Amino acid sequence: MSRNMKCVECGAELAPNAKFCSACGAQAGLKKEVFQVSPEKLVEKFKEIAKDASVKRIVVKNENGRTVLSVPVTWGAAGAVATLALAPWLAAIGVIAGVATKCTIEVEKTPAVAART
C-alpha cells in the first residue's frame, strides 16, 4: 500500500519518487522541525541545531512569520570547516536577536538520519 506524500513547505501532493515539489520547488523527503525561541536563546539554539549532521537548512522567522534568514547547512568531511563557514551566519543571528521580540526556527533534516536522533 503506497501513501501519497505531501510537500512539507506548501502541502501539494508529490508525484511518486519525486525529488522536488513541482509546486514550490522544495526538496521532497525532508523532515521539518519547528522551535519557538526567545531572542536571548536564538544564537545558542542555532549553534545547537547546526551541529546536527542531518540538518540541511535552518530558517529563522520573526514574530510575524516572515523569513529573516535562511541558511543552507552542508556538512563536509570535517566538522570544523562547517563551523567556520557558519561564523558569518552567527553574526547575522546576533543582529536579528537584538531586534526581534519572538523567533521561530524551522529546521529541515534528512529523514533517515533524523529518525535515529
Protein backbone atom coordinates (compact mmCIF):
# COMPACT_ATOMS: atom_id res chain seq x y z
CA MET A 1 0.00 0.00 0.00
CA SER A 2 1.57 3.31 -1.04
CA ARG A 3 0.84 6.57 0.69
CA ASN A 4 0.62 9.85 -1.17
CA MET A 5 3.33 12.13 0.14
CA LYS A 6 2.80 15.85 0.56
CA CYS A 7 5.29 18.71 0.40
CA VAL A 8 6.36 19.93 3.86
CA GLU A 9 6.50 23.51 2.54
CA CYS A 10 3.28 24.04 0.59
CA GLY A 11 1.24 20.86 1.19
CA ALA A 12 0.98 19.96 -2.52
CA GLU A 13 0.79 16.27 -3.39
CA LEU A 14 4.10 14.90 -4.62
CA ALA A 15 4.49 12.60 -7.59
CA PRO A 16 5.84 9.12 -6.81
CA ASN A 17 9.66 9.18 -6.49
CA ALA A 18 9.71 12.99 -6.79
CA LYS A 19 12.91 14.65 -5.58
CA PHE A 20 11.41 18.15 -5.57
CA CYS A 21 7.91 19.63 -5.23
CA SER A 22 6.52 20.67 -8.62
CA ALA A 23 4.50 23.46 -6.97
CA CYS A 24 7.11 25.26 -4.83
CA GLY A 25 10.46 23.62 -5.64
CA ALA A 26 11.17 22.40 -2.09
CA GLN A 27 13.22 19.22 -1.74
CA ALA A 28 10.99 16.20 -1.19
CA GLY A 29 11.51 13.79 1.67
CA LEU A 30 12.81 16.24 4.27
CA LYS A 31 11.57 16.26 7.85
CA LYS A 32 10.71 19.67 9.32
CA GLU A 33 11.03 20.61 12.99
CA VAL A 34 9.89 23.95 14.43
CA PHE A 35 11.21 25.64 17.59
CA GLN A 36 9.91 28.77 19.31
CA VAL A 37 12.80 30.60 21.00
CA SER A 38 13.34 33.88 22.77
CA PRO A 39 15.82 36.33 21.20
CA GLU A 40 18.19 35.68 24.13
CA LYS A 41 18.39 31.96 23.25
CA LEU A 42 18.46 32.36 19.45
CA VAL A 43 22.24 32.14 18.90
CA GLU A 44 22.60 29.25 21.35
CA LYS A 45 19.78 27.24 19.69
CA PHE A 46 21.16 28.00 16.21
CA LYS A 47 24.59 26.63 17.21
CA GLU A 48 23.00 23.54 18.74
CA ILE A 49 20.95 22.82 15.62
CA ALA A 50 23.87 23.46 13.25
CA LYS A 51 25.92 20.68 14.93
CA ASP A 52 23.44 18.04 13.72
CA ALA A 53 24.78 16.41 10.55
CA SER A 54 21.25 15.62 9.31
CA VAL A 55 20.29 19.32 9.09
CA LYS A 56 20.01 20.66 5.53
CA ARG A 57 18.57 24.14 6.13
CA ILE A 58 17.83 26.45 9.06
CA VAL A 59 15.20 29.15 8.61
CA VAL A 60 14.71 31.94 11.17
CA LYS A 61 11.37 33.76 11.16
CA ASN A 62 10.30 36.84 13.07
CA GLU A 63 7.21 37.26 15.24
CA ASN A 64 5.09 37.91 12.11
CA GLY A 65 6.15 34.62 10.50
CA ARG A 66 8.31 36.39 7.94
CA THR A 67 11.60 34.72 6.98
CA VAL A 68 14.52 36.88 8.09
CA LEU A 69 17.31 34.36 7.48
CA SER A 70 17.56 31.08 5.55
CA VAL A 71 20.83 29.20 5.91
CA PRO A 72 21.73 26.12 3.87
CA VAL A 73 23.82 23.80 6.05
CA THR A 74 26.22 21.46 4.29
CA TRP A 75 28.50 19.23 6.30
CA GLY A 76 31.74 18.28 4.63
CA ALA A 77 34.21 15.70 5.81
CA ALA A 78 35.43 17.97 8.58
CA GLY A 79 33.00 19.49 11.06
CA ALA A 80 35.49 22.27 11.85
CA VAL A 81 35.22 23.56 8.29
CA ALA A 82 31.43 23.69 8.60
CA THR A 83 31.70 25.53 11.92
CA LEU A 84 33.98 28.18 10.38
CA ALA A 85 31.59 28.57 7.47
CA LEU A 86 28.77 29.35 9.93
CA ALA A 87 30.61 32.27 11.57
CA PRO A 88 29.07 34.98 9.30
CA TRP A 89 25.61 33.49 9.86
CA LEU A 90 26.12 33.61 13.63
CA ALA A 91 26.88 37.33 13.36
CA ALA A 92 23.62 37.84 11.43
CA ILE A 93 21.72 35.81 14.05
CA GLY A 94 23.14 38.11 16.75
CA VAL A 95 21.75 41.15 14.95
CA ILE A 96 18.35 39.50 14.49
CA ALA A 97 18.28 38.62 18.19
CA GLY A 98 18.86 42.28 19.00
CA VAL A 99 15.75 43.49 17.18
CA ALA A 100 13.32 40.53 17.38
CA THR A 101 10.75 40.03 20.12
CA LYS A 102 9.98 36.39 19.35
CA CYS A 103 11.64 33.98 16.93
CA THR A 104 10.76 30.75 15.20
CA ILE A 105 13.42 28.40 13.90
CA GLU A 106 12.41 25.90 11.22
CA VAL A 107 14.86 23.05 10.64
CA GLU A 108 14.86 20.82 7.56
CA LYS A 109 16.52 17.42 8.09
CA THR A 110 17.09 14.30 6.09
CA PRO A 111 14.59 11.76 7.45
CA ALA A 112 16.88 8.72 7.57
CA VAL A 113 19.29 10.39 9.98
CA ALA A 114 16.52 12.34 11.76
CA ALA A 115 14.75 9.10 12.69
CA ARG A 116 17.81 7.91 14.62
CA THR A 117 18.30 11.10 16.68
